[in-house]
PDB file of all heavy atoms in Angstrom:
ATOM      1  N   ASN A   1     192.600 114.857 331.344  1.00  0.00           N
ATOM      2  CA  ASN A   1     192.247 116.200 330.982  1.00  0.00           C
ATOM      3  C   ASN A   1     192.254 116.384 329.520  1.00  0.00           C
ATOM      4  O   ASN A   1     191.414 117.078 328.912  1.00  0.00           O
ATOM      5  CB  ASN A   1     193.456 117.099 331.628  1.00  0.00           C
ATOM      6  CG  ASN A   1     193.091 118.595 331.602  1.00  0.00           C
ATOM      7  OD1 ASN A   1     191.885 118.954 331.262  1.00  0.00           O
ATOM      8  ND2 ASN A   1     194.087 119.464 331.898  1.00  0.00           N
ATOM      9  N   PHE A   2     193.248 115.721 328.774  1.00  0.00           N
ATOM     10  CA  PHE A   2     193.269 115.735 327.369  1.00  0.00           C
ATOM     11  C   PHE A   2     191.911 115.160 326.769  1.00  0.00           C
ATOM     12  O   PHE A   2     191.442 115.727 325.880  1.00  0.00           O
ATOM     13  CB  PHE A   2     194.420 114.838 326.943  1.00  0.00           C
ATOM     14  CG  PHE A   2     194.335 114.471 325.465  1.00  0.00           C
ATOM     15  CD1 PHE A   2     194.918 115.346 324.459  1.00  0.00           C
ATOM     16  CD2 PHE A   2     193.919 113.256 325.002  1.00  0.00           C
ATOM     17  CE1 PHE A   2     194.871 114.959 323.117  1.00  0.00           C
ATOM     18  CE2 PHE A   2     193.920 112.902 323.697  1.00  0.00           C
ATOM     19  CZ  PHE A   2     194.383 113.739 322.800  1.00  0.00           C
ATOM     20  N   CYS A   3     191.445 114.058 327.364  1.00  0.00           N
ATOM     21  CA  CYS A   3     190.227 113.410 326.868  1.00  0.00           C
ATOM     22  C   CYS A   3     189.098 114.426 326.947  1.00  0.00           C
ATOM     23  O   CYS A   3     188.188 114.552 326.052  1.00  0.00           O
ATOM     24  CB  CYS A   3     189.960 112.084 327.662  1.00  0.00           C
ATOM     25  SG  CYS A   3     191.105 110.840 327.316  1.00  0.00           S
ATOM     26  N   HIS A   4     188.990 115.088 328.094  1.00  0.00           N
ATOM     27  CA  HIS A   4     187.925 116.096 328.331  1.00  0.00           C
ATOM     28  C   HIS A   4     187.962 117.228 327.366  1.00  0.00           C
ATOM     29  O   HIS A   4     187.022 117.649 326.770  1.00  0.00           O
ATOM     30  CB  HIS A   4     187.986 116.658 329.791  1.00  0.00           C
ATOM     31  CG  HIS A   4     187.664 115.646 330.861  1.00  0.00           C
ATOM     32  ND1 HIS A   4     186.741 114.598 330.669  1.00  0.00           N
ATOM     33  CD2 HIS A   4     188.094 115.504 332.103  1.00  0.00           C
ATOM     34  CE1 HIS A   4     186.700 113.892 331.766  1.00  0.00           C
ATOM     35  NE2 HIS A   4     187.440 114.455 332.682  1.00  0.00           N
ATOM     36  N   LYS A   5     189.258 117.656 327.085  1.00  0.00           N
ATOM     37  CA  LYS A   5     189.344 118.761 326.147  1.00  0.00           C
ATOM     38  C   LYS A   5     188.995 118.415 324.694  1.00  0.00           C
ATOM     39  O   LYS A   5     188.475 119.349 324.031  1.00  0.00           O
ATOM     40  CB  LYS A   5     190.777 119.351 326.221  1.00  0.00           C
ATOM     41  CG  LYS A   5     191.025 120.177 327.490  1.00  0.00           C
ATOM     42  CD  LYS A   5     192.409 120.932 327.453  1.00  0.00           C
ATOM     43  CE  LYS A   5     192.492 121.799 328.633  1.00  0.00           C
ATOM     44  NZ  LYS A   5     193.809 122.421 328.886  1.00  0.00           N
ATOM     45  N   VAL A   6     189.318 117.259 324.299  1.00  0.00           N
ATOM     46  CA  VAL A   6     189.054 116.830 322.849  1.00  0.00           C
ATOM     47  C   VAL A   6     187.698 116.135 322.799  1.00  0.00           C
ATOM     48  O   VAL A   6     187.351 115.508 321.754  1.00  0.00           O
ATOM     49  CB  VAL A   6     190.161 116.050 322.265  1.00  0.00           C
ATOM     50  CG1 VAL A   6     191.473 116.850 322.159  1.00  0.00           C
ATOM     51  CG2 VAL A   6     190.387 114.713 322.981  1.00  0.00           C
ATOM     52  N   LYS A   7     186.870 116.134 323.906  1.00  0.00           N
ATOM     53  CA  LYS A   7     185.527 115.460 323.929  1.00  0.00           C
ATOM     54  C   LYS A   7     185.678 113.919 323.588  1.00  0.00           C
ATOM     55  O   LYS A   7     184.808 113.418 322.827  1.00  0.00           O
ATOM     56  CB  LYS A   7     184.602 116.220 323.063  1.00  0.00           C
ATOM     57  CG  LYS A   7     184.343 117.599 323.534  1.00  0.00           C
ATOM     58  CD  LYS A   7     183.344 118.322 322.677  1.00  0.00           C
ATOM     59  CE  LYS A   7     182.911 119.689 323.282  1.00  0.00           C
ATOM     60  NZ  LYS A   7     183.988 120.590 323.636  1.00  0.00           N
ATOM     61  N   LEU A   8     186.684 113.335 324.136  1.00  0.00           N
ATOM     62  CA  LEU A   8     186.817 111.869 323.861  1.00  0.00           C
ATOM     63  C   LEU A   8     186.303 111.124 325.158  1.00  0.00           C
ATOM     64  O   LEU A   8     186.803 111.353 326.245  1.00  0.00           O
ATOM     65  CB  LEU A   8     188.354 111.538 323.775  1.00  0.00           C
ATOM     66  CG  LEU A   8     188.792 110.075 323.618  1.00  0.00           C
ATOM     67  CD1 LEU A   8     188.113 109.351 322.508  1.00  0.00           C
ATOM     68  CD2 LEU A   8     190.272 109.957 323.534  1.00  0.00           C
ATOM     69  N   PRO A   9     185.298 110.350 325.038  1.00  0.00           N
ATOM     70  CA  PRO A   9     184.694 109.628 326.212  1.00  0.00           C
ATOM     71  C   PRO A   9     185.675 108.787 326.873  1.00  0.00           C
ATOM     72  O   PRO A   9     186.520 108.102 326.132  1.00  0.00           O
ATOM     73  CB  PRO A   9     183.501 108.809 325.602  1.00  0.00           C
ATOM     74  CG  PRO A   9     183.215 109.457 324.288  1.00  0.00           C
ATOM     75  CD  PRO A   9     184.502 109.971 323.752  1.00  0.00           C
ATOM     76  N   ILE A  10     185.708 108.669 328.165  1.00  0.00           N
ATOM     77  CA  ILE A  10     186.619 107.790 328.854  1.00  0.00           C
ATOM     78  C   ILE A  10     185.818 106.607 329.328  1.00  0.00           C
ATOM     79  O   ILE A  10     184.864 106.654 330.187  1.00  0.00           O
ATOM     80  CB  ILE A  10     187.242 108.536 330.149  1.00  0.00           C
ATOM     81  CG1 ILE A  10     188.045 109.680 329.676  1.00  0.00           C
ATOM     82  CG2 ILE A  10     188.117 107.540 330.974  1.00  0.00           C
ATOM     83  CD1 ILE A  10     188.553 110.666 330.775  1.00  0.00           C
ATOM     84  N   ILE A  11     186.174 105.373 328.874  1.00  0.00           N
ATOM     85  CA  ILE A  11     185.602 104.161 329.307  1.00  0.00           C
ATOM     86  C   ILE A  11     185.918 103.862 330.727  1.00  0.00           C
ATOM     87  O   ILE A  11     185.078 103.500 331.539  1.00  0.00           O
ATOM     88  CB  ILE A  11     185.993 102.992 328.398  1.00  0.00           C
ATOM     89  CG1 ILE A  11     185.514 103.229 326.910  1.00  0.00           C
ATOM     90  CG2 ILE A  11     185.362 101.653 328.917  1.00  0.00           C
ATOM     91  CD1 ILE A  11     185.928 102.256 325.971  1.00  0.00           C
ATOM     92  N   GLY A  12     187.240 104.071 331.137  1.00  0.00           N
ATOM     93  CA  GLY A  12     187.705 103.883 332.439  1.00  0.00           C
ATOM     94  C   GLY A  12     189.138 103.759 332.535  1.00  0.00           C
ATOM     95  O   GLY A  12     189.874 103.760 331.453  1.00  0.00           O
ATOM     96  N   VAL A  13     189.696 103.636 333.750  1.00  0.00           N
ATOM     97  CA  VAL A  13     191.144 103.527 334.034  1.00  0.00           C
ATOM     98  C   VAL A  13     191.421 102.049 334.517  1.00  0.00           C
ATOM     99  O   VAL A  13     190.645 101.544 335.308  1.00  0.00           O
ATOM    100  CB  VAL A  13     191.524 104.542 335.153  1.00  0.00           C
ATOM    101  CG1 VAL A  13     193.001 104.339 335.503  1.00  0.00           C
ATOM    102  CG2 VAL A  13     191.294 105.930 334.554  1.00  0.00           C
ATOM    103  N   VAL A  14     192.561 101.529 333.997  1.00  0.00           N
ATOM    104  CA  VAL A  14     193.062 100.263 334.509  1.00  0.00           C
ATOM    105  C   VAL A  14     194.279 100.424 335.274  1.00  0.00           C
ATOM    106  O   VAL A  14     195.246 101.134 334.804  1.00  0.00           O
ATOM    107  CB  VAL A  14     193.370  99.328 333.268  1.00  0.00           C
ATOM    108  CG1 VAL A  14     194.043  97.940 333.718  1.00  0.00           C
ATOM    109  CG2 VAL A  14     192.020  99.026 332.607  1.00  0.00           C
ATOM    110  N   GLU A  15     194.369  99.825 336.477  1.00  0.00           N
ATOM    111  CA  GLU A  15     195.627  99.857 337.222  1.00  0.00           C
ATOM    112  C   GLU A  15     196.443  98.652 336.949  1.00  0.00           C
ATOM    113  O   GLU A  15     196.079  97.586 337.386  1.00  0.00           O
ATOM    114  CB  GLU A  15     195.384 100.096 338.739  1.00  0.00           C
ATOM    115  CG  GLU A  15     196.646 100.218 339.506  1.00  0.00           C
ATOM    116  CD  GLU A  15     196.369 100.465 341.091  1.00  0.00           C
ATOM    117  OE1 GLU A  15     196.169 101.682 341.406  1.00  0.00           O
ATOM    118  OE2 GLU A  15     196.436  99.457 341.794  1.00  0.00           O
ATOM    119  N   ASN A  16     197.598  98.743 336.276  1.00  0.00           N
ATOM    120  CA  ASN A  16     198.375  97.622 335.835  1.00  0.00           C
ATOM    121  C   ASN A  16     199.527  97.492 336.879  1.00  0.00           C
ATOM    122  O   ASN A  16     199.935  98.409 337.617  1.00  0.00           O
ATOM    123  CB  ASN A  16     198.970  97.923 334.449  1.00  0.00           C
ATOM    124  CG  ASN A  16     199.351  96.636 333.748  1.00  0.00           C
ATOM    125  OD1 ASN A  16     199.001  95.572 334.140  1.00  0.00           O
ATOM    126  ND2 ASN A  16     200.181  96.732 332.660  1.00  0.00           N
ATOM    127  N   MET A  17     200.079  96.249 336.892  1.00  0.00           N
ATOM    128  CA  MET A  17     201.225  95.987 337.864  1.00  0.00           C
ATOM    129  C   MET A  17     200.840  96.362 339.221  1.00  0.00           C
ATOM    130  O   MET A  17     201.576  96.877 339.996  1.00  0.00           O
ATOM    131  CB  MET A  17     202.495  96.751 337.420  1.00  0.00           C
ATOM    132  CG  MET A  17     202.903  96.529 335.928  1.00  0.00           C
ATOM    133  SD  MET A  17     204.435  97.402 335.581  1.00  0.00           S
ATOM    134  CE  MET A  17     204.182  97.541 333.782  1.00  0.00           C
ATOM    135  N   SER A  18     199.634  95.935 339.613  1.00  0.00           N
ATOM    136  CA  SER A  18     199.064  96.234 340.928  1.00  0.00           C
ATOM    137  C   SER A  18     199.405  95.107 341.886  1.00  0.00           C
ATOM    138  O   SER A  18     198.511  94.292 342.137  1.00  0.00           O
ATOM    139  CB  SER A  18     197.556  96.431 340.769  1.00  0.00           C
ATOM    140  OG  SER A  18     196.939  96.790 341.976  1.00  0.00           O
ATOM    141  N   GLY A  19     200.507  95.282 342.564  1.00  0.00           N
ATOM    142  CA  GLY A  19     200.857  94.197 343.534  1.00  0.00           C
ATOM    143  C   GLY A  19     201.405  92.914 342.942  1.00  0.00           C
ATOM    144  O   GLY A  19     201.142  92.617 341.753  1.00  0.00           O
ATOM    145  N   PHE A  20     202.148  92.174 343.669  1.00  0.00           N
ATOM    146  CA  PHE A  20     202.679  90.837 343.246  1.00  0.00           C
ATOM    147  C   PHE A  20     202.544  89.891 344.327  1.00  0.00           C
ATOM    148  O   PHE A  20     203.048  90.054 345.517  1.00  0.00           O
ATOM    149  CB  PHE A  20     204.168  91.036 342.892  1.00  0.00           C
ATOM    150  CG  PHE A  20     204.918  89.777 342.650  1.00  0.00           C
ATOM    151  CD1 PHE A  20     204.642  88.991 341.582  1.00  0.00           C
ATOM    152  CD2 PHE A  20     205.855  89.217 343.574  1.00  0.00           C
ATOM    153  CE1 PHE A  20     205.367  87.850 341.263  1.00  0.00           C
ATOM    154  CE2 PHE A  20     206.450  87.964 343.343  1.00  0.00           C
ATOM    155  CZ  PHE A  20     206.265  87.338 342.246  1.00  0.00           C
ATOM    156  N   VAL A  21     201.913  88.685 343.958  1.00  0.00           N
ATOM    157  CA  VAL A  21     201.706  87.644 344.983  1.00  0.00           C
ATOM    158  C   VAL A  21     202.739  86.626 344.676  1.00  0.00           C
ATOM    159  O   VAL A  21     202.874  86.020 343.598  1.00  0.00           O
ATOM    160  CB  VAL A  21     200.309  87.044 344.834  1.00  0.00           C
ATOM    161  CG1 VAL A  21     200.151  85.897 345.830  1.00  0.00           C
ATOM    162  CG2 VAL A  21     199.223  88.131 345.093  1.00  0.00           C
ATOM    163  N   CYS A  22     203.647  86.294 345.727  1.00  0.00           N
ATOM    164  CA  CYS A  22     204.654  85.361 345.562  1.00  0.00           C
ATOM    165  C   CYS A  22     204.125  84.023 345.392  1.00  0.00           C
ATOM    166  O   CYS A  22     203.245  83.498 346.179  1.00  0.00           O
ATOM    167  CB  CYS A  22     205.540  85.406 346.796  1.00  0.00           C
ATOM    168  SG  CYS A  22     206.825  84.086 346.874  1.00  0.00           S
ATOM    169  N   PRO A  23     204.447  83.231 344.222  1.00  0.00           N
ATOM    170  CA  PRO A  23     203.912  81.949 344.072  1.00  0.00           C
ATOM    171  C   PRO A  23     204.229  80.857 345.131  1.00  0.00           C
ATOM    172  O   PRO A  23     203.471  79.979 345.386  1.00  0.00           O
ATOM    173  CB  PRO A  23     204.484  81.594 342.717  1.00  0.00           C
ATOM    174  CG  PRO A  23     205.652  82.447 342.475  1.00  0.00           C
ATOM    175  CD  PRO A  23     205.406  83.725 343.320  1.00  0.00           C
ATOM    176  N   LYS A  24     205.315  81.145 345.900  1.00  0.00           N
ATOM    177  CA  LYS A  24     205.683  80.142 346.915  1.00  0.00           C
ATOM    178  C   LYS A  24     205.065  80.445 348.258  1.00  0.00           C
ATOM    179  O   LYS A  24     204.392  79.650 348.881  1.00  0.00           O
ATOM    180  CB  LYS A  24     207.205  80.114 347.037  1.00  0.00           C
ATOM    181  CG  LYS A  24     207.872  79.466 345.885  1.00  0.00           C
ATOM    182  CD  LYS A  24     209.371  79.292 345.946  1.00  0.00           C
ATOM    183  CE  LYS A  24     209.919  78.582 344.794  1.00  0.00           C
ATOM    184  NZ  LYS A  24     211.374  78.603 344.717  1.00  0.00           N
ATOM    185  N   CYS A  25     205.380  81.701 348.780  1.00  0.00           N
ATOM    186  CA  CYS A  25     204.848  81.985 350.145  1.00  0.00           C
ATOM    187  C   CYS A  25     203.460  82.698 350.140  1.00  0.00           C
ATOM    188  O   CYS A  25     202.813  82.874 351.192  1.00  0.00           O
ATOM    189  CB  CYS A  25     205.789  82.870 350.885  1.00  0.00           C
ATOM    190  SG  CYS A  25     205.970  84.574 350.203  1.00  0.00           S
TER     191      CYS A  25
END
């Protein structure tokens, strides 16, 4: 909403810490 109000283009959204795959199982 802030980006829209100040006319800052949004390149996109990144979802971080998205799931964890156990290295063993």
